[in-house]
Protein backbone atom coordinates (compact mmCIF):
# COMPACT_ATOMS: atom_id res chain seq x y z
CA UNK A 1 10.40 -1.72 18.92
CA UNK A 2 7.55 -1.21 21.33
CA UNK A 3 7.28 -3.70 24.22
CA UNK A 4 4.63 -6.22 23.09
CA UNK A 5 3.13 -6.19 26.63
CA UNK A 6 2.09 -2.57 26.17
CA UNK A 7 0.43 -2.34 22.75
CA UNK A 8 0.35 1.02 21.02
CA UNK A 9 -3.19 2.48 20.84
CA UNK A 10 -4.44 2.92 17.29
CA UNK A 11 -7.30 4.95 15.83
CA UNK A 12 -8.74 4.01 12.45
CA UNK A 13 -10.33 6.61 10.17
CA UNK A 14 -12.71 5.41 7.47
CA UNK A 15 -13.25 2.26 9.49
CA UNK A 16 -16.49 1.15 7.84
CA UNK A 17 -15.17 0.98 4.24
CA UNK A 18 -13.62 -2.07 2.60
CA UNK A 19 -10.00 -1.11 3.36
CA UNK A 20 -11.05 -0.07 6.86
CA UNK A 21 -12.61 -3.48 7.41
CA UNK A 22 -9.40 -5.17 6.27
CA UNK A 23 -7.47 -3.09 8.78
CA UNK A 24 -9.91 -3.99 11.56
CA UNK A 25 -9.28 -7.68 10.82
CA UNK A 26 -5.50 -7.27 10.64
CA UNK A 27 -5.39 -5.29 13.88
CA UNK A 28 -7.30 -7.94 15.83
CA UNK A 29 -4.76 -9.43 18.29
CA UNK A 30 -1.88 -7.62 16.59
CA UNK A 31 1.39 -8.04 18.56
CA UNK A 32 2.28 -4.30 18.51
CA UNK A 33 -0.97 -2.39 18.12
CA UNK A 34 -4.38 -2.30 19.77
CA UNK A 35 -7.38 -0.80 18.00
CA UNK A 36 -8.89 1.61 20.53
CA UNK A 37 -10.87 4.08 18.41
CA UNK A 38 -12.77 3.93 15.12
CA UNK A 39 -14.03 6.91 13.17
CA UNK A 40 -16.25 7.26 10.13
CA UNK A 41 -18.77 9.58 8.52
CA UNK A 42 -21.44 11.46 10.43
CA UNK A 43 -24.07 8.90 9.46
CA UNK A 44 -22.12 6.20 11.33
CA UNK A 45 -20.91 8.28 14.29
CA UNK A 46 -22.62 7.41 17.57
CA UNK A 47 -23.29 3.80 16.60
CA UNK A 48 -21.41 0.71 17.70
CA UNK A 49 -18.98 -0.39 15.00
CA UNK A 50 -20.71 -3.75 14.77
CA UNK A 51 -23.93 -1.94 13.87
CA UNK A 52 -22.43 0.71 11.60
CA UNK A 53 -20.21 -1.50 9.43
CA UNK A 54 -21.86 -3.39 6.59
CA UNK A 55 -19.36 -6.25 6.92
CA UNK A 56 -18.05 -7.56 3.57
CA UNK A 57 -15.22 -9.88 4.65
CA UNK A 58 -15.28 -13.59 5.48
CA UNK A 59 -15.97 -14.37 9.13
CA UNK A 60 -17.55 -12.19 11.79
CA UNK A 61 -16.50 -8.73 12.89
CA UNK A 62 -13.81 -9.07 15.59
CA UNK A 63 -15.63 -8.81 18.91
CA UNK A 64 -13.47 -6.09 20.44
CA UNK A 65 -13.86 -3.87 17.37
CA UNK A 66 -17.58 -4.51 17.17
CA UNK A 67 -18.06 -3.03 20.64
CA UNK A 68 -16.27 0.24 19.84
CA UNK A 69 -18.36 3.38 19.47
CA UNK A 70 -17.87 5.05 16.08
CA UNK A 71 -16.53 8.57 16.53
CA UNK A 72 -16.49 11.49 14.11
CA UNK A 73 -13.18 11.94 12.25
CA UNK A 74 -12.23 14.90 14.46
CA UNK A 75 -8.83 15.13 16.19
CA UNK A 76 -10.47 16.64 19.26
CA UNK A 77 -12.27 13.32 19.77
CA UNK A 78 -9.34 10.95 19.13
CA UNK A 79 -6.64 10.20 21.71
CA UNK A 80 -4.58 7.43 20.07
CA UNK A 81 -1.13 8.66 18.96
CA UNK A 82 -1.14 6.47 15.84
CA UNK A 83 -3.89 7.07 13.28
CA UNK A 84 -4.40 4.76 10.29
CA UNK A 85 -6.40 6.40 7.53
CA UNK A 86 -8.63 4.49 5.12
CA UNK A 87 -10.54 7.63 4.27
CA UNK A 88 -11.89 8.35 0.83
CA UNK A 89 -9.59 10.74 -1.02
CA UNK A 90 -12.36 13.33 -1.26
CA UNK A 91 -12.16 13.88 2.50
CA UNK A 92 -8.67 12.69 3.38
CA UNK A 93 -6.50 15.73 2.65
CA UNK A 94 -8.08 18.15 5.10
CA UNK A 95 -8.85 15.59 7.81
CA UNK A 96 -5.41 13.97 7.78
CA UNK A 97 -3.71 17.37 7.93
CA UNK A 98 -5.82 18.29 10.97
CA UNK A 99 -4.75 15.12 12.77
CA UNK A 100 -1.06 15.70 11.93
CA UNK A 101 -1.28 19.30 13.15
CA UNK A 102 -2.78 18.00 16.41
CA UNK A 103 0.23 15.74 17.02
CA UNK A 104 -0.87 12.38 15.62
CA UNK A 105 1.23 10.12 13.40
CA UNK A 106 -1.03 9.57 10.38
CA UNK A 107 -0.38 6.58 8.10
CA UNK A 108 -2.62 7.02 5.07
CA UNK A 109 -3.82 4.77 2.30
CA UNK A 110 -5.45 7.72 0.51
CA UNK A 111 -3.86 9.42 -2.50
CA UNK A 112 -4.36 12.97 -1.21
CA UNK A 113 -0.85 13.67 0.15
CA UNK A 114 1.21 11.14 -1.84
CA UNK A 115 2.89 13.60 -4.18
CA UNK A 116 3.47 16.40 -1.65
CA UNK A 117 7.21 16.93 -1.77
CA UNK A 118 7.60 16.72 2.03
CA UNK A 119 5.39 13.63 2.51
CA UNK A 120 7.08 10.20 2.41
CA UNK A 121 5.53 7.81 -0.13
CA UNK A 122 6.73 4.49 1.19
CA UNK A 123 7.04 0.85 0.20
CA UNK A 124 8.90 -0.29 3.35
CA UNK A 125 11.22 -2.76 1.59
CA UNK A 126 12.13 -0.22 -1.08
CA UNK A 127 12.57 3.28 0.36
CA UNK A 128 12.38 3.25 4.16
CA UNK A 129 15.08 5.95 4.15
CA UNK A 130 12.53 8.44 2.77
CA UNK A 131 10.99 8.59 6.25
CA UNK A 132 13.64 11.24 6.91
CA UNK A 133 11.25 13.63 5.14
CA UNK A 134 9.15 13.65 8.31
CA UNK A 135 11.49 16.15 9.97
CA UNK A 136 11.22 18.54 7.03
CA UNK A 137 7.45 18.14 6.90
CA UNK A 138 7.08 19.06 10.56
CA UNK A 139 9.40 22.02 10.27
CA UNK A 140 7.86 23.33 7.09
CA UNK A 141 4.22 22.97 8.17
CA UNK A 142 4.56 23.60 11.89
CA UNK A 143 2.95 20.27 12.72
CA UNK A 144 3.72 18.32 15.88
CA UNK A 145 2.60 15.14 14.11
CA UNK A 146 3.03 14.04 10.50
CA UNK A 147 1.54 12.23 7.50
CA UNK A 148 3.17 9.30 5.70
CA UNK A 149 1.49 7.53 2.81
CA UNK A 150 1.03 4.12 1.25
CA UNK A 151 1.22 4.13 -2.59
CA UNK A 152 -1.45 3.15 -5.10
CA UNK A 153 -2.34 -0.56 -4.99
CA UNK A 154 -0.88 -1.35 -8.43
CA UNK A 155 2.16 0.83 -7.87
CA UNK A 156 3.20 -1.16 -4.78
CA UNK A 157 3.56 -4.41 -6.71
CA UNK A 158 5.31 -2.68 -9.60
CA UNK A 159 7.73 -0.77 -7.34
CA UNK A 160 8.66 -3.93 -5.44
CA UNK A 161 9.47 -5.71 -8.69
CA UNK A 162 11.40 -2.79 -10.17
CA UNK A 163 13.46 -2.07 -7.04
CA UNK A 164 16.04 -4.90 -7.29
CA UNK A 165 16.46 -4.26 -11.03
CA UNK A 166 16.85 -0.52 -10.57
CA UNK A 167 19.43 -0.94 -7.81
CA UNK A 168 21.51 -3.38 -9.84
CA UNK A 169 21.40 -2.29 -13.49
CA UNK A 170 19.11 0.74 -13.53
CA UNK A 171 15.63 0.93 -15.05
CA UNK A 172 15.08 3.33 -17.95
CA UNK A 173 11.67 2.53 -19.45
CA UNK A 174 8.67 0.52 -18.27
CA UNK A 175 5.50 -0.46 -20.08
CA UNK A 176 2.92 -1.83 -17.64
CA UNK A 177 -0.50 -3.25 -18.52
CA UNK A 178 -2.69 -3.84 -15.48
CA UNK A 179 -5.62 -6.23 -15.03
CA UNK A 180 -7.12 -4.89 -11.82
CA UNK A 181 -9.57 -6.70 -9.57
CA UNK A 182 -13.08 -5.44 -8.88
CA UNK A 183 -12.34 -4.89 -5.18
CA UNK A 184 -9.92 -2.15 -6.17
CA UNK A 185 -12.93 0.04 -6.91
CA UNK A 186 -14.24 -0.31 -3.34
CA UNK A 187 -17.82 -1.17 -2.47
CA UNK A 188 -20.23 -1.22 -4.29
CA UNK A 189 -17.67 -0.51 -7.01
CA UNK A 190 -18.31 -1.25 -10.68
CA UNK A 191 -21.92 -2.24 -11.53
CA UNK A 192 -22.16 -5.99 -12.12
CA UNK A 193 -23.71 -5.63 -15.58
CA UNK A 194 -20.75 -3.50 -16.66
CA UNK A 195 -18.13 -6.00 -15.47
CA UNK A 196 -19.59 -9.49 -15.98
CA UNK A 197 -18.40 -10.96 -19.29
CA UNK A 198 -16.36 -7.82 -19.85
CA UNK A 199 -13.09 -5.93 -19.35
CA UNK A 200 -13.19 -2.17 -18.84
CA UNK A 201 -10.11 -0.30 -20.10
CA UNK A 202 -8.92 2.98 -18.66
CA UNK A 203 -9.51 3.20 -14.90
CA UNK A 204 -9.88 6.92 -14.07
CA UNK A 205 -6.77 8.33 -12.41
CA UNK A 206 -4.87 5.02 -12.26
CA UNK A 207 -2.56 5.55 -15.21
CA UNK A 208 -1.34 8.90 -13.88
CA UNK A 209 -0.47 7.26 -10.55
CA UNK A 210 1.52 4.55 -12.30
CA UNK A 211 3.36 7.16 -14.35
CA UNK A 212 4.40 9.28 -11.37
CA UNK A 213 4.45 7.38 -8.07
CA UNK A 214 7.18 4.81 -8.97
CA UNK A 215 9.56 7.65 -9.82
CA UNK A 216 9.14 9.11 -6.33
CA UNK A 217 9.44 5.74 -4.58
CA UNK A 218 12.57 4.74 -6.50
CA UNK A 219 14.05 8.24 -6.26
CA UNK A 220 17.00 9.40 -4.20
CA UNK A 221 16.71 11.42 -1.01
CA UNK A 222 19.12 14.34 -1.17
CA UNK A 223 19.11 17.68 0.62
CA UNK A 224 15.80 17.00 2.29
CA UNK A 225 13.92 16.29 -0.94
CA UNK A 226 13.36 13.26 -3.16
CA UNK A 227 14.93 13.45 -6.60
CA UNK A 228 12.63 11.34 -8.80
CA UNK A 229 14.20 8.34 -10.48
CA UNK A 230 15.19 8.95 -14.08
CA UNK A 231 12.81 6.44 -15.64
CA UNK A 232 9.66 6.54 -17.74
CA UNK A 233 6.54 4.46 -17.10
CA UNK A 234 3.80 3.99 -19.68
CA UNK A 235 0.69 2.35 -18.20
CA UNK A 236 -2.49 0.83 -19.60
CA UNK A 237 -5.10 -0.01 -16.94
CA UNK A 238 -8.08 -2.37 -17.07
CA UNK A 239 -10.78 -3.45 -14.60
CA UNK A 240 -11.46 -7.20 -14.85
CA UNK A 241 -14.07 -9.54 -13.29
CA UNK A 242 -11.77 -10.87 -10.55
CA UNK A 243 -12.53 -10.35 -6.87
CA UNK A 244 -9.01 -9.74 -5.50
CA UNK A 245 -5.56 -9.61 -7.05
CA UNK A 246 -4.01 -7.16 -9.52
CA UNK A 247 -2.07 -8.74 -12.40
CA UNK A 248 0.42 -6.57 -14.30
CA UNK A 249 2.26 -7.43 -17.53
CA UNK A 250 5.55 -5.55 -17.49
CA UNK A 251 8.24 -4.85 -20.09
CA UNK A 252 11.42 -3.14 -18.91
CA UNK A 253 14.42 -1.49 -20.52
CA UNK A 254 17.39 -1.56 -18.15
CA UNK A 255 20.66 0.34 -18.17
CA UNK A 256 22.57 -2.90 -18.77
CA UNK A 257 21.38 -6.04 -20.51
CA UNK A 258 19.74 -8.39 -18.02
CA UNK A 259 19.22 -12.10 -18.60
CA UNK A 260 15.88 -13.45 -17.29
CA UNK A 261 17.72 -15.97 -15.10
CA UNK A 262 19.73 -13.20 -13.46
CA UNK A 263 16.56 -11.15 -13.02
CA UNK A 264 14.93 -14.13 -11.29
CA UNK A 265 17.92 -14.34 -8.93
CA UNK A 266 17.59 -10.64 -8.09
CA UNK A 267 13.90 -11.06 -7.34
CA UNK A 268 14.50 -14.11 -5.11
CA UNK A 269 17.32 -12.45 -3.20
CA UNK A 270 15.52 -9.16 -2.61
CA UNK A 271 14.95 -8.24 1.02
CA UNK A 272 14.41 -4.95 2.82
CA UNK A 273 14.26 -3.28 6.21
CA UNK A 274 11.01 -5.06 7.26
CA UNK A 275 12.62 -8.46 6.77
CA UNK A 276 15.76 -7.45 8.68
CA UNK A 277 13.66 -6.12 11.54
CA UNK A 278 11.25 -9.07 11.52
CA UNK A 279 8.17 -6.84 11.41
CA UNK A 280 4.94 -8.76 12.10
CA UNK A 281 3.31 -8.10 8.72
CA UNK A 282 6.49 -8.51 6.66
CA UNK A 283 6.57 -11.57 4.37
CA UNK A 284 9.73 -13.67 4.52
CA UNK A 285 10.18 -13.01 0.79
CA UNK A 286 8.69 -9.82 -0.68
CA UNK A 287 9.03 -11.26 -4.19
CA UNK A 288 8.18 -14.90 -5.00
CA UNK A 289 9.27 -16.24 -8.38
CA UNK A 290 7.26 -18.92 -10.16
CA UNK A 291 8.51 -20.82 -13.19
CA UNK A 292 5.13 -22.34 -14.04
CA UNK A 293 4.20 -21.34 -17.60
CA UNK A 294 0.72 -19.98 -16.82
CA UNK A 295 1.37 -18.23 -13.53
CA UNK A 296 0.88 -16.02 -11.62
CA UNK A 297 -2.91 -16.18 -11.45
CA UNK A 298 -5.09 -14.21 -9.03
CA UNK A 299 -7.02 -17.19 -7.70
CA UNK A 300 -3.87 -19.25 -7.13
CA UNK A 301 -1.25 -16.69 -6.11
CA UNK A 302 -2.87 -13.69 -4.42
CA UNK A 303 -2.39 -15.11 -0.91
CA UNK A 304 1.38 -15.64 -1.27
CA UNK A 305 3.07 -14.53 1.95
CA UNK A 306 -0.40 -14.21 3.54
CA UNK A 307 -1.23 -11.69 0.84
CA UNK A 308 1.91 -9.60 1.42
CA UNK A 309 4.24 -11.11 -1.20
CA UNK A 310 4.27 -10.19 -4.89
CA UNK A 311 4.48 -13.17 -7.25
CA UNK A 312 6.63 -12.78 -10.37
CA UNK A 313 6.36 -15.11 -13.36
CA UNK A 314 6.70 -15.52 -17.12
CA UNK A 315 10.19 -14.02 -17.14
CA UNK A 316 11.47 -13.84 -20.71
CA UNK A 317 13.42 -11.63 -23.11
CA UNK A 318 11.34 -8.77 -24.49
CA UNK A 319 11.92 -8.06 -28.21
CA UNK A 320 11.07 -4.38 -27.68
CA UNK A 321 12.60 -3.37 -24.33
CA UNK A 322 14.82 -6.26 -23.22
CA UNK A 323 13.02 -7.99 -20.33
CA UNK A 324 9.41 -8.89 -19.64
CA UNK A 325 7.53 -10.54 -16.79
CA UNK A 326 4.18 -10.56 -15.00
CA UNK A 327 3.45 -9.73 -11.37
CA UNK A 328 0.50 -10.48 -9.13
CA UNK A 329 -0.27 -8.77 -5.82
CA UNK A 330 -3.23 -8.80 -3.45
CA UNK A 331 -4.66 -5.32 -3.88
CA UNK A 332 -6.53 -4.96 -0.57
CA UNK A 333 -3.77 -6.61 1.51
CA UNK A 334 -0.31 -5.72 0.17
CA UNK A 335 -1.80 -2.94 -1.93
CA UNK A 336 -3.86 -1.29 0.79
CA UNK A 337 -4.56 -2.39 4.38
CA UNK A 338 -1.56 -4.69 4.80
CA UNK A 339 0.83 -2.18 3.25
CA UNK A 340 -0.50 0.57 5.52
CA UNK A 341 -0.08 -1.63 8.59
CA UNK A 342 3.46 -2.66 7.58
CA UNK A 343 4.37 1.02 7.26
CA UNK A 344 2.99 1.69 10.75
CA UNK A 345 5.06 -1.22 12.09
CA UNK A 346 8.17 0.30 10.49
CA UNK A 347 7.50 3.65 12.17
CA UNK A 348 7.13 1.89 15.52
CA UNK A 349 10.31 -0.15 15.04
CA UNK A 350 12.31 2.98 14.20
CA UNK A 351 10.97 4.89 17.21
CA UNK A 352 9.15 7.46 15.09
CA UNK A 353 5.75 7.35 16.82
CA UNK A 354 4.68 10.12 19.20
């Protein structure tokens, strides 16, 4: 772990967007990292961050960040060894690769590299061992740096809930129905007249991510590659008029019969590498179980563990698959900025930063 008296310099790409703003807030007075550089599109470059960012979060822009000059997302202009990427996927693939080739450690929230076979797709409590792919990535691509990625915002909550079940009895089939908050679409997101008094089914691209990403995260690292977990996910996605917090109704078929009470015990007991290492952004309990009959709810449960815990409730037998439950996670904290920052903390703790 880096000495807290000498914080690691951090650059933030896509700093003016909603996830970028969350990262700016989380990095303010962080015990390990210091935000030294911010980068964004050409229309923002050359301005002070406080002028360029259309601030959408409660409270003012952190003063230190507000005084930073916005730079272009060009590795020749960035000196920080650690780069956090909140770039839009349309630009992320090429830009992140350029930073990795130039020697930076890139921790990305974008989808662009997630399914590359040599790129770790990490939920730190679940598959920290997959960071061993970094060595293969560098060797294969000739990079002096690397790219690691944070999963899709809904996938993170689902993978955390599936992990203790998969390790204990194996997971074979999953049916997941998501009710995803408006903030998941970014800003300005879904037009108000489309979402008010409405639910929009079928979020473009989301169902494919839920079908594929959990299999990589829960897979086994062998011979320098990840063997995807032998499970099937069927997802139905919906955008709902909630500001923050993704709710997912889940039914699971496991390799062995699993009583809801035993499943609740597995959720409560679940811990991972971030908890053992005491990482700053790690919640004490990644999974919080509620026995209240009408919980979890976004308004009441999204800030569990300061937004980094996933709340599990309504555990019951499922007539079709065996076990059912609902999970709630904060999509812009655990599902985006907070998850990205936790992954960066893990890299620092394991001595993997340049």
